[in-house]
Amino acid sequence: MYEIQKGIELPDLGGKPRMYPFEKMEVLDSFFVPLDGHKCDTLPKLLMSMRGCIRSAREGKRYPEGWKFALRTDKENNGVRCWRVK
């Protein structure tokens, strides 16, 4: 028979750190992701990757329902900028 114990804290799994700070953003905050040094090799691929990360964060409920984000490529600076718009 196993003894039932109460009040034992569940240890943190220590998962990998978040790549993008969606849950910390306020309306009109933004961040820039340069293509250089990123796993994606083109701006369209980087844009699609970031869209997928936003979708995963939404499905994982890492930010409240109703928050909206906008992404724009920045060809001049060779990267993608993300804004929280709502």
Protein backbone atom coordinates (compact mmCIF):
# COMPACT_ATOMS: atom_id res chain seq x y z
CA MET A 1 0.00 0.00 0.00
CA TYR A 2 1.25 3.47 -0.86
CA GLU A 3 1.09 6.28 1.67
CA ILE A 4 -0.81 9.40 0.54
CA GLN A 5 1.16 12.56 1.28
CA LYS A 6 -0.19 16.09 1.32
CA GLY A 7 1.56 19.43 0.79
CA ILE A 8 4.41 18.14 -1.37
CA GLU A 9 5.28 20.82 -3.96
CA LEU A 10 5.50 19.78 -7.58
CA PRO A 11 8.99 20.61 -8.90
CA ASP A 12 9.30 22.82 -11.97
CA LEU A 13 10.14 20.90 -15.14
CA GLY A 14 12.54 23.65 -16.16
CA GLY A 15 11.43 23.68 -19.79
CA LYS A 16 13.25 25.70 -22.38
CA PRO A 17 12.88 29.48 -22.11
CA ARG A 18 10.31 31.24 -24.28
CA MET A 19 11.69 32.43 -27.59
CA TYR A 20 9.37 35.44 -27.92
CA PRO A 21 7.96 37.61 -25.08
CA PHE A 22 4.27 37.63 -26.12
CA GLU A 23 2.87 37.25 -22.59
CA LYS A 24 4.92 40.22 -21.28
CA MET A 25 3.79 42.69 -23.93
CA GLU A 26 1.42 45.63 -23.46
CA VAL A 27 -0.64 47.20 -26.25
CA LEU A 28 1.64 48.86 -28.86
CA ASP A 29 4.79 47.20 -27.48
CA SER A 30 6.91 45.59 -30.18
CA PHE A 31 10.05 43.53 -30.63
CA PHE A 32 12.33 42.96 -33.63
CA VAL A 33 13.67 39.58 -34.75
CA PRO A 34 16.66 39.84 -37.11
CA LEU A 35 17.00 37.22 -39.81
CA ASP A 36 20.75 36.98 -39.19
CA GLY A 37 21.42 34.20 -36.70
CA HIS A 38 17.86 32.83 -36.91
CA LYS A 39 17.18 29.25 -38.00
CA CYS A 40 15.06 30.54 -40.93
CA ASP A 41 16.96 31.58 -44.03
CA THR A 42 14.43 33.97 -45.66
CA LEU A 43 12.10 36.71 -44.42
CA PRO A 44 8.93 34.88 -45.57
CA LYS A 45 10.01 31.77 -43.64
CA LEU A 46 10.76 33.86 -40.54
CA LEU A 47 7.35 35.54 -40.83
CA MET A 48 5.59 32.15 -41.09
CA SER A 49 7.61 30.78 -38.16
CA MET A 50 6.60 33.70 -35.96
CA ARG A 51 2.93 33.31 -36.99
CA GLY A 52 3.16 29.70 -35.88
CA CYS A 53 4.67 30.75 -32.54
CA ILE A 54 1.83 33.23 -31.97
CA ARG A 55 -0.71 30.51 -32.78
CA SER A 56 1.00 28.04 -30.42
CA ALA A 57 1.12 30.63 -27.64
CA ARG A 58 -2.60 31.34 -28.12
CA GLU A 59 -3.49 27.63 -28.10
CA GLY A 60 -1.28 27.11 -25.03
CA LYS A 61 -3.10 29.98 -23.32
CA ARG A 62 0.17 31.83 -22.65
CA TYR A 63 -1.67 35.13 -23.07
CA PRO A 64 -5.30 36.17 -22.40
CA GLU A 65 -8.02 35.57 -24.95
CA GLY A 66 -8.63 38.62 -27.11
CA TRP A 67 -5.01 39.73 -27.42
CA LYS A 68 -3.99 40.40 -31.03
CA PHE A 69 -0.57 40.65 -32.65
CA ALA A 70 0.61 42.10 -35.96
CA LEU A 71 3.75 41.10 -37.85
CA ARG A 72 5.54 43.09 -40.53
CA THR A 73 8.70 42.32 -42.47
CA ASP A 74 11.37 45.01 -42.33
CA LYS A 75 13.48 44.58 -45.47
CA GLU A 76 15.65 47.58 -44.63
CA ASN A 77 16.80 45.99 -41.35
CA ASN A 78 16.43 42.39 -42.62
CA GLY A 79 14.01 41.04 -40.04
CA VAL A 80 10.45 40.91 -38.72
CA ARG A 81 8.80 43.16 -36.14
CA CYS A 82 5.92 42.01 -33.95
CA TRP A 83 3.44 44.40 -32.27
CA ARG A 84 0.74 43.69 -29.74
CA VAL A 85 -2.22 45.61 -31.16
CA LYS A 86 -5.03 44.61 -28.79
